[in-house]
Amino acid sequence: MTQSRPTPSSSLTPDVPEIRTEAEGEQPVLDPVLETRAGEARLLTFGCRMNTYESEVMRDHARAAGLDNAIIINTCAVTKEAERQARQAIRKARRDNPQAKIIVTGCAVQLDPDRFAAMTEVDRVIGNAEKLQADSWRVGSNQPVLVQDIMTVRETAEHLLSGFEGRDRAFIQVQQGCDHRCTFCIIPFARGPSRSVALGPVVEQVRTLVENGYQEVVLTGVDITSYGHDLPGQPPLGQMVRRLLQLVPDLPRLRLTSLDPVEIDADLLDLFGREPRLMPHVHLSVQAGDDMILKRMKRRHLRHHVVDLCQDLRQRRPDVVFGADLIAGFPTETDEMHANTLRLVEEAGLTYLHVFPYSPRPGTPAAKIPPVPAEIAKARAAELRAAGARQLQAHLRSQVGQTVTVLFETTTAGHAPDYATVRVDVPVQEGTLRSVRLTGATETELLGTVC
């Protein structure tokens, strides 16, 4: 049976890509989505799926406050390039919209509010905690800089969203912040300590989205596998996911964002093996495939943990496909260390890769270590991407001849359960789940016929 959600009342601007093809990790999406609706504030969203969710919260708050002639820019800070693009977008927004009120928020603002406040194009800067509070957006809330110390925040505000503007997949924040201190990462100082959303509000949110016709929900967090450590009884992520699926039986598909290789609990491993509604797509925060580099990154896993986990999950769920975040050219990385990471791509069977040349972040321990020359880091990143492309092509070819259920995010393309992009030649309704027989493969996507 064809399942669908209601057609959204507005659409994305024409320059937005037809369909996103990157895996669902927490690295930045550096092609920001400008979402518009007549008579309302416009949102420009950089970064991870957390920002996607939080932009919807801000949209609701701005709408309730009657904020109309405004552009809200939700920034990312995971790399220097992300910050640079945000500043560039701010300047362009002012040039193109001289009368609009420009409000800037997000991780880059949280880390350096004064820098953004000093930009002549900016009217207000709002911190990561404040941006989720309705009072920050009310008419008359004109405090130019509204940013508190994020490290003092101990709670995650609960929000009930009815949908996501122009999107056919819903993103739900179940965890926020991070208590770990990887030597390359500045994000804990932009997001604050780890804190979790209790099961009740998560269930209520997912039920609302399912009632509104959404076929897939993605659970997001900064460090999602640390879920529950701050809640009564300390329920792990797997227990929460199991209860969620029990309490919302009408949810067709559930997907998770980036997971830590050594923090996946036994409940979650078991669910991957027996719950078909939990999608067989596991994105891992790997970062490197050499033990010495992993130790210098202050990661909590070693190389063998990644290999062992992938083998375990494949035994439980033969159709599972893995993605991974990888950093090329971390300080002190030698050719041999890089080769270890390169071999890991094939050894663990990593199909969807997010690869970034190392980018030093001021304020992190790794930034004090002499860097690998930029041209070497870029060359190593290219090698890793090429290895990932080979893995992806092999996987796609192996799927030809099968029939899969596709969530269509445009009239001709969508994602299979393993997150492979599938394209068909006959238009179907967006937001529907349809069976597709796979007839061919290109280098980056599958081709098929709707059954």
Protein backbone atom coordinates (compact mmCIF):
# COMPACT_ATOMS: atom_id res chain seq x y z
CA MET A 1 0.00 0.00 0.00
CA THR A 2 1.24 3.50 -0.79
CA GLN A 3 1.80 5.55 2.35
CA SER A 4 2.22 9.29 2.35
CA ARG A 5 2.30 12.41 4.43
CA PRO A 6 0.51 15.64 3.51
CA THR A 7 2.15 17.84 0.88
CA PRO A 8 4.02 20.69 2.62
CA SER A 9 2.50 24.13 2.33
CA SER A 10 5.73 25.61 0.98
CA SER A 11 8.81 24.42 -0.82
CA LEU A 12 12.51 24.99 -0.67
CA THR A 13 14.07 27.63 -2.84
CA PRO A 14 15.06 26.47 -6.35
CA ASP A 15 18.81 26.43 -5.69
CA VAL A 16 18.49 23.66 -3.07
CA PRO A 17 19.85 20.32 -4.36
CA GLU A 18 17.11 17.92 -5.49
CA ILE A 19 18.12 15.26 -2.97
CA ARG A 20 20.87 15.00 -0.39
CA THR A 21 23.24 12.11 -0.94
CA GLU A 22 25.57 12.38 2.05
CA ALA A 23 25.30 9.85 4.84
CA GLU A 24 23.59 10.71 8.09
CA GLY A 25 26.62 11.47 10.22
CA GLU A 26 27.24 14.53 12.33
CA GLN A 27 29.82 16.20 10.11
CA PRO A 28 28.80 19.51 8.54
CA VAL A 29 26.65 19.89 5.48
CA LEU A 30 28.35 22.83 3.80
CA ASP A 31 25.55 23.50 1.30
CA PRO A 32 23.18 25.35 3.65
CA VAL A 33 19.46 25.11 3.06
CA LEU A 34 17.59 28.42 2.89
CA GLU A 35 13.98 27.69 3.79
CA THR A 36 11.37 30.34 3.07
CA ARG A 37 7.68 30.94 3.57
CA ALA A 38 5.76 34.08 2.69
CA GLY A 39 5.35 36.49 5.60
CA GLU A 40 7.70 34.63 7.93
CA ALA A 41 11.31 34.68 8.99
CA ARG A 42 13.72 32.82 6.70
CA LEU A 43 16.18 30.26 8.02
CA LEU A 44 19.62 29.46 6.65
CA THR A 45 20.89 26.24 8.22
CA PHE A 46 24.48 25.04 8.23
CA GLY A 47 25.81 21.88 9.81
CA CYS A 48 24.55 18.69 11.34
CA ARG A 49 21.12 17.13 11.78
CA MET A 50 20.95 18.74 15.21
CA ASN A 51 20.86 22.12 13.50
CA THR A 52 18.13 20.86 11.16
CA TYR A 53 15.99 19.98 14.15
CA GLU A 54 16.80 23.19 16.02
CA SER A 55 15.99 25.33 12.99
CA GLU A 56 12.47 23.90 13.06
CA VAL A 57 12.18 24.82 16.74
CA MET A 58 13.33 28.35 15.93
CA ARG A 59 10.89 28.53 13.03
CA ASP A 60 8.02 27.79 15.43
CA HIS A 61 9.25 30.34 17.99
CA ALA A 62 9.77 33.05 15.36
CA ARG A 63 6.33 32.38 13.87
CA ALA A 64 4.67 32.60 17.30
CA ALA A 65 6.52 35.84 17.98
CA GLY A 66 5.33 37.38 14.70
CA LEU A 67 8.88 37.79 13.44
CA ASP A 68 8.63 38.26 9.69
CA ASN A 69 11.19 40.45 7.91
CA ALA A 70 14.15 38.55 9.34
CA ILE A 71 16.81 36.07 8.28
CA ILE A 72 17.98 33.58 10.92
CA ILE A 73 21.37 32.00 10.20
CA ASN A 74 22.10 28.82 12.18
CA THR A 75 25.88 28.36 12.07
CA CYS A 76 28.26 25.40 12.39
CA ALA A 77 31.73 25.38 13.98
CA VAL A 78 33.06 21.87 13.41
CA THR A 79 35.67 23.22 10.95
CA LYS A 80 37.14 26.63 10.16
CA GLU A 81 35.64 26.31 6.69
CA ALA A 82 32.16 26.00 8.17
CA GLU A 83 32.66 29.24 10.08
CA ARG A 84 34.05 30.99 7.01
CA GLN A 85 31.04 29.98 4.95
CA ALA A 86 28.69 31.22 7.66
CA ARG A 87 30.34 34.65 7.69
CA GLN A 88 30.18 34.73 3.90
CA ALA A 89 26.48 33.86 4.01
CA ILE A 90 25.83 36.65 6.52
CA ARG A 91 27.42 39.23 4.24
CA LYS A 92 25.49 37.97 1.23
CA ALA A 93 22.23 37.98 3.18
CA ARG A 94 22.74 41.64 4.04
CA ARG A 95 23.62 42.58 0.46
CA ASP A 96 20.55 40.81 -0.90
CA ASN A 97 18.21 41.92 1.90
CA PRO A 98 19.23 45.40 3.08
CA GLN A 99 16.02 45.95 5.09
CA ALA A 100 15.89 42.56 6.81
CA LYS A 101 16.82 41.91 10.42
CA ILE A 102 19.70 39.42 10.47
CA ILE A 103 19.88 37.14 13.52
CA VAL A 104 22.83 34.75 13.87
CA THR A 105 22.96 31.73 16.16
CA GLY A 106 24.48 28.23 16.37
CA CYS A 107 27.80 26.75 17.39
CA ALA A 108 30.07 29.35 15.79
CA VAL A 109 28.19 32.10 17.61
CA GLN A 110 28.29 30.24 20.92
CA LEU A 111 32.07 29.92 20.68
CA ASP A 112 32.79 33.52 19.65
CA PRO A 113 29.74 35.78 20.08
CA ASP A 114 31.75 38.99 20.10
CA ARG A 115 33.18 38.33 16.65
CA PHE A 116 29.73 37.92 15.14
CA ALA A 117 28.28 40.82 17.11
CA ALA A 118 31.02 43.01 15.65
CA MET A 119 29.91 42.27 12.09
CA THR A 120 28.06 45.33 10.76
CA GLU A 121 25.64 43.05 8.90
CA VAL A 122 24.39 41.39 12.11
CA ASP A 123 21.52 42.76 14.22
CA ARG A 124 21.43 40.10 16.96
CA VAL A 125 23.43 37.08 18.11
CA ILE A 126 21.73 34.34 20.12
CA GLY A 127 23.41 31.41 21.88
CA ASN A 128 22.75 27.70 21.47
CA ALA A 129 20.69 27.45 24.65
CA GLU A 130 18.79 30.69 24.11
CA LYS A 131 17.85 29.91 20.50
CA LEU A 132 15.54 27.11 21.74
CA GLN A 133 13.71 29.36 24.21
CA ALA A 134 10.55 31.10 23.04
CA ASP A 135 11.30 34.29 25.01
CA SER A 136 14.41 34.91 22.92
CA TRP A 137 12.26 35.46 19.83
CA ARG A 138 9.38 37.53 21.20
CA VAL A 139 8.81 40.98 19.76
CA GLY A 140 10.63 43.42 21.98
CA SER A 141 13.43 40.99 22.83
CA ASN A 142 16.06 43.27 21.36
CA GLN A 143 19.10 42.43 23.48
CA PRO A 144 21.87 42.50 20.82
CA VAL A 145 23.89 39.69 22.39
CA LEU A 146 22.02 36.90 24.15
CA VAL A 147 24.58 34.19 24.92
CA GLN A 148 25.06 32.44 28.27
CA ASP A 149 27.79 30.08 29.44
CA ILE A 150 26.72 26.82 27.77
CA MET A 151 28.75 24.76 30.23
CA THR A 152 26.29 25.69 33.00
CA VAL A 153 23.27 24.27 31.13
CA ARG A 154 22.00 21.03 32.67
CA GLU A 155 18.65 20.47 30.98
CA THR A 156 17.43 19.94 27.43
CA ALA A 157 14.30 21.88 26.58
CA GLU A 158 11.41 19.80 25.25
CA HIS A 159 9.68 20.82 22.03
CA LEU A 160 6.74 19.38 20.13
CA LEU A 161 7.11 19.82 16.36
CA SER A 162 4.32 18.96 13.94
CA GLY A 163 6.62 18.63 10.94
CA PHE A 164 9.73 19.75 9.08
CA GLU A 165 9.37 22.39 6.39
CA GLY A 166 9.94 20.90 2.94
CA ARG A 167 11.31 17.60 4.24
CA ASP A 168 10.03 14.04 4.06
CA ARG A 169 12.16 12.71 6.93
CA ALA A 170 11.85 14.04 10.48
CA PHE A 171 14.77 14.68 12.83
CA ILE A 172 14.27 14.37 16.59
CA GLN A 173 16.79 15.52 19.18
CA VAL A 174 17.09 12.97 21.98
CA GLN A 175 20.47 14.00 23.37
CA GLN A 176 22.49 17.20 23.53
CA GLY A 177 26.07 18.11 24.46
CA CYS A 178 29.16 15.98 25.08
CA ASP A 179 31.21 15.08 28.15
CA HIS A 180 34.18 13.70 26.17
CA ARG A 181 37.18 15.71 25.15
CA CYS A 182 38.60 14.47 21.86
CA THR A 183 41.72 16.51 21.23
CA PHE A 184 40.58 17.79 17.81
CA CYS A 185 37.01 18.77 18.72
CA ILE A 186 35.65 22.12 19.89
CA ILE A 187 31.97 21.13 19.82
CA PRO A 188 31.62 20.25 23.57
CA PHE A 189 32.35 23.92 24.28
CA ALA A 190 29.62 24.99 21.86
CA ARG A 191 27.02 22.45 23.02
CA GLY A 192 27.73 22.04 26.73
CA PRO A 193 27.54 18.92 28.90
CA SER A 194 25.73 15.75 27.84
CA ARG A 195 22.02 15.74 28.66
CA SER A 196 19.17 13.54 27.50
CA VAL A 197 15.48 13.91 26.64
CA ALA A 198 13.26 11.55 28.64
CA LEU A 199 11.36 8.81 26.84
CA GLY A 200 7.91 10.39 27.33
CA PRO A 201 8.52 13.55 25.28
CA VAL A 202 10.34 11.54 22.60
CA VAL A 203 7.36 9.20 22.23
CA GLU A 204 4.91 12.12 22.13
CA GLN A 205 6.96 13.84 19.42
CA VAL A 206 7.27 10.73 17.27
CA ARG A 207 3.56 9.95 17.61
CA THR A 208 2.72 13.46 16.41
CA LEU A 209 4.97 13.12 13.39
CA VAL A 210 3.55 9.72 12.48
CA GLU A 211 0.00 11.09 12.79
CA ASN A 212 1.05 13.86 10.38
CA GLY A 213 2.15 11.29 7.80
CA TYR A 214 5.92 11.03 8.30
CA GLN A 215 7.29 7.65 7.30
CA GLU A 216 10.79 7.95 8.79
CA VAL A 217 12.20 9.49 11.94
CA VAL A 218 15.91 10.06 12.61
CA LEU A 219 17.11 10.26 16.23
CA THR A 220 19.87 12.83 16.59
CA GLY A 221 22.33 13.94 19.24
CA VAL A 222 25.84 15.30 19.66
CA ASP A 223 26.94 12.06 21.34
CA ILE A 224 23.83 9.92 21.01
CA THR A 225 25.35 6.75 22.48
CA SER A 226 25.81 8.57 25.80
CA TYR A 227 22.02 8.84 26.01
CA GLY A 228 20.48 8.22 29.44
CA HIS A 229 23.50 8.69 31.71
CA ASP A 230 21.83 11.73 33.29
CA LEU A 231 18.30 10.26 33.56
CA PRO A 232 16.78 8.34 36.51
CA GLY A 233 17.84 4.71 36.23
CA GLN A 234 20.35 5.61 33.51
CA PRO A 235 18.48 3.90 30.63
CA PRO A 236 20.89 3.28 27.70
CA LEU A 237 20.10 4.26 24.12
CA GLY A 238 19.06 0.73 23.17
CA GLN A 239 16.45 0.58 25.92
CA MET A 240 15.00 3.92 24.84
CA VAL A 241 14.86 2.84 21.17
CA ARG A 242 13.23 -0.47 22.08
CA ARG A 243 10.55 1.25 24.17
CA LEU A 244 9.98 3.88 21.48
CA LEU A 245 9.33 1.22 18.83
CA GLN A 246 6.98 -0.62 21.21
CA LEU A 247 5.02 2.51 22.10
CA VAL A 248 4.75 3.84 18.52
CA PRO A 249 3.92 0.68 16.54
CA ASP A 250 2.75 2.70 13.51
CA LEU A 251 6.20 4.24 12.92
CA PRO A 252 7.41 2.62 9.66
CA ARG A 253 11.11 3.49 9.79
CA LEU A 254 13.56 4.60 12.47
CA ARG A 255 17.12 5.68 11.74
CA LEU A 256 19.98 6.71 14.04
CA THR A 257 22.72 9.26 13.51
CA SER A 258 26.41 8.84 14.31
CA LEU A 259 27.27 6.17 16.91
CA ASP A 260 30.42 5.69 18.97
CA PRO A 261 31.94 2.25 18.18
CA VAL A 262 32.51 1.27 21.83
CA GLU A 263 29.38 2.78 23.37
CA ILE A 264 26.72 0.79 21.49
CA ASP A 265 24.91 -1.10 24.24
CA ALA A 266 23.72 -4.71 24.15
CA ASP A 267 20.06 -3.74 23.76
CA LEU A 268 20.83 -1.72 20.65
CA LEU A 269 22.94 -4.50 19.13
CA ASP A 270 20.06 -6.91 19.71
CA LEU A 271 17.57 -4.52 18.11
CA PHE A 272 19.60 -4.23 14.93
CA GLY A 273 19.39 -8.01 14.64
CA ARG A 274 15.64 -8.42 15.14
CA GLU A 275 13.81 -5.15 14.49
CA PRO A 276 13.13 -4.51 10.76
CA ARG A 277 11.86 -0.98 11.44
CA LEU A 278 15.34 0.01 12.67
CA MET A 279 17.11 0.81 9.42
CA PRO A 280 20.24 -1.27 8.55
CA HIS A 281 22.44 1.80 8.19
CA VAL A 282 25.01 2.40 10.94
CA HIS A 283 27.13 5.53 10.80
CA LEU A 284 30.17 5.30 13.07
CA SER A 285 32.34 8.04 14.55
CA VAL A 286 35.62 6.35 13.62
CA GLN A 287 37.96 9.27 12.78
CA ALA A 288 41.07 7.12 12.18
CA GLY A 289 42.23 3.54 11.64
CA ASP A 290 45.58 3.70 13.42
CA ASP A 291 45.78 3.00 17.15
CA MET A 292 48.43 5.61 17.91
CA ILE A 293 46.48 8.34 16.15
CA LEU A 294 43.28 7.26 17.93
CA LYS A 295 45.08 7.56 21.27
CA ARG A 296 46.39 11.00 20.35
CA MET A 297 42.87 11.98 19.36
CA LYS A 298 41.76 10.74 22.81
CA ARG A 299 39.16 8.52 21.25
CA ARG A 300 37.60 5.76 23.32
CA HIS A 301 38.09 2.96 20.78
CA LEU A 302 40.92 1.27 18.94
CA ARG A 303 41.06 -0.07 15.41
CA HIS A 304 39.99 -3.61 16.34
CA HIS A 305 36.84 -2.32 18.03
CA VAL A 306 35.59 -0.98 14.68
CA VAL A 307 36.37 -4.22 12.84
CA ASP A 308 34.83 -6.39 15.56
CA LEU A 309 31.68 -4.27 15.75
CA CYS A 310 31.14 -4.38 11.98
CA GLN A 311 31.59 -8.15 11.96
CA ASP A 312 29.18 -8.56 14.89
CA LEU A 313 26.48 -6.41 13.30
CA ARG A 314 26.81 -8.17 9.93
CA GLN A 315 26.23 -11.50 11.63
CA ARG A 316 23.10 -10.11 13.28
CA ARG A 317 21.90 -8.17 10.22
CA PRO A 318 23.44 -9.32 6.90
CA ASP A 319 22.01 -6.33 4.99
CA VAL A 320 23.61 -3.73 7.27
CA VAL A 321 25.71 -1.01 5.62
CA PHE A 322 28.24 1.18 7.43
CA GLY A 323 29.21 4.80 7.17
CA ALA A 324 32.07 6.52 8.98
CA ASP A 325 33.60 9.89 9.78
CA LEU A 326 37.33 9.99 8.99
CA ILE A 327 39.93 12.71 9.50
CA ALA A 328 42.94 12.75 7.16
CA GLY A 329 46.27 14.25 8.16
CA PHE A 330 45.84 14.48 11.93
CA PRO A 331 49.02 15.93 13.52
CA THR A 332 51.88 13.36 13.68
CA GLU A 333 50.13 11.06 11.17
CA THR A 334 52.74 9.26 9.08
CA ASP A 335 52.30 7.52 5.74
CA GLU A 336 52.11 4.19 7.56
CA MET A 337 49.43 5.48 9.94
CA HIS A 338 47.43 6.80 7.01
CA ALA A 339 47.77 3.42 5.29
CA ASN A 340 46.21 1.78 8.37
CA THR A 341 43.16 4.02 8.03
CA LEU A 342 43.01 3.35 4.31
CA ARG A 343 43.01 -0.41 4.92
CA LEU A 344 40.29 -0.08 7.53
CA VAL A 345 37.84 1.16 4.89
CA GLU A 346 37.96 -2.21 3.14
CA GLU A 347 38.61 -4.36 6.20
CA ALA A 348 35.56 -3.05 8.08
CA GLY A 349 33.54 -2.56 4.90
CA LEU A 350 32.87 1.17 5.33
CA THR A 351 30.60 2.30 2.50
CA TYR A 352 29.44 5.86 3.16
CA LEU A 353 32.40 8.02 4.17
CA HIS A 354 32.58 11.56 5.50
CA VAL A 355 36.25 12.45 4.95
CA PHE A 356 37.78 15.76 5.97
CA PRO A 357 41.39 16.95 5.98
CA TYR A 358 42.36 17.82 9.54
CA SER A 359 41.48 21.40 10.40
CA PRO A 360 43.06 22.84 13.58
CA ARG A 361 40.56 24.42 15.95
CA PRO A 362 41.93 27.08 18.30
CA GLY A 363 41.38 26.07 21.90
CA THR A 364 41.82 22.33 21.31
CA PRO A 365 44.92 20.34 22.38
CA ALA A 366 45.57 19.08 18.85
CA ALA A 367 45.89 22.65 17.57
CA LYS A 368 49.13 22.95 19.60
CA ILE A 369 50.78 20.01 17.78
CA PRO A 370 52.78 20.77 14.61
CA PRO A 371 50.42 19.95 11.72
CA VAL A 372 50.86 17.67 8.76
CA PRO A 373 51.38 19.87 5.66
CA ALA A 374 48.02 20.85 4.20
CA GLU A 375 48.79 19.45 0.76
CA ILE A 376 49.59 16.04 2.28
CA ALA A 377 46.39 16.05 4.36
CA LYS A 378 44.36 16.89 1.26
CA ALA A 379 46.03 14.15 -0.76
CA ARG A 380 45.33 11.60 1.98
CA ALA A 381 41.71 12.74 2.15
CA ALA A 382 41.42 12.19 -1.60
CA GLU A 383 42.76 8.66 -1.22
CA LEU A 384 40.24 7.89 1.49
CA ARG A 385 37.38 9.29 -0.58
CA ALA A 386 38.48 7.18 -3.54
CA ALA A 387 38.49 4.08 -1.32
CA GLY A 388 35.01 4.96 -0.12
CA ALA A 389 33.82 5.45 -3.70
CA ARG A 390 35.05 1.96 -4.59
CA GLN A 391 33.22 0.48 -1.60
CA LEU A 392 30.04 2.34 -2.53
CA GLN A 393 30.18 1.23 -6.16
CA ALA A 394 30.68 -2.40 -5.15
CA HIS A 395 27.77 -2.21 -2.73
CA LEU A 396 25.44 -0.63 -5.26
CA ARG A 397 26.26 -3.24 -7.90
CA SER A 398 25.51 -5.99 -5.36
CA GLN A 399 21.97 -4.63 -4.88
CA VAL A 400 20.88 -4.83 -8.52
CA GLY A 401 18.05 -7.33 -8.94
CA GLN A 402 16.65 -6.87 -5.44
CA THR A 403 13.37 -5.20 -4.47
CA VAL A 404 13.59 -2.56 -1.72
CA THR A 405 11.27 -0.09 -0.03
CA VAL A 406 12.17 3.49 -0.88
CA LEU A 407 11.16 6.67 0.94
CA PHE A 408 10.73 9.17 -1.90
CA GLU A 409 12.06 12.62 -1.04
CA THR A 410 11.49 13.97 -4.54
CA THR A 411 9.12 12.69 -7.19
CA THR A 412 11.86 10.54 -8.73
CA ALA A 413 14.40 9.78 -5.99
CA GLY A 414 14.67 8.65 -2.40
CA HIS A 415 16.55 6.42 -0.01
CA ALA A 416 16.45 2.67 0.53
CA PRO A 417 16.67 1.27 4.08
CA ASP A 418 20.49 1.06 3.77
CA TYR A 419 20.52 4.75 2.77
CA ALA A 420 21.41 4.07 -0.86
CA THR A 421 19.98 6.69 -3.18
CA VAL A 422 17.45 5.16 -5.57
CA ARG A 423 16.20 6.92 -8.71
CA VAL A 424 13.21 5.94 -10.85
CA ASP A 425 12.00 7.23 -14.23
CA VAL A 426 8.28 7.46 -13.41
CA PRO A 427 7.24 10.20 -10.94
CA VAL A 428 5.66 9.18 -7.65
CA GLN A 429 4.27 11.18 -4.76
CA GLU A 430 6.88 12.70 -2.45
CA GLY A 431 6.86 11.43 1.11
CA THR A 432 5.64 7.96 0.16
CA LEU A 433 7.09 4.53 0.81
CA ARG A 434 7.11 2.47 -2.40
CA SER A 435 8.54 -0.89 -3.42
CA VAL A 436 11.17 -0.53 -6.15
CA ARG A 437 12.82 -3.26 -8.20
CA LEU A 438 16.49 -2.33 -8.68
CA THR A 439 17.52 -2.59 -12.33
CA GLY A 440 20.91 -0.88 -12.47
CA ALA A 441 23.55 1.18 -10.73
CA THR A 442 25.68 4.22 -11.47
CA GLU A 443 28.77 5.22 -9.47
CA THR A 444 26.69 6.90 -6.79
CA GLU A 445 23.07 5.66 -6.93
CA LEU A 446 20.73 2.84 -7.82
CA LEU A 447 18.21 2.84 -10.66
CA GLY A 448 14.91 1.09 -10.41
CA THR A 449 11.31 0.56 -11.43
CA VAL A 450 8.36 1.17 -9.09
CA CYS A 451 6.51 -2.08 -8.44
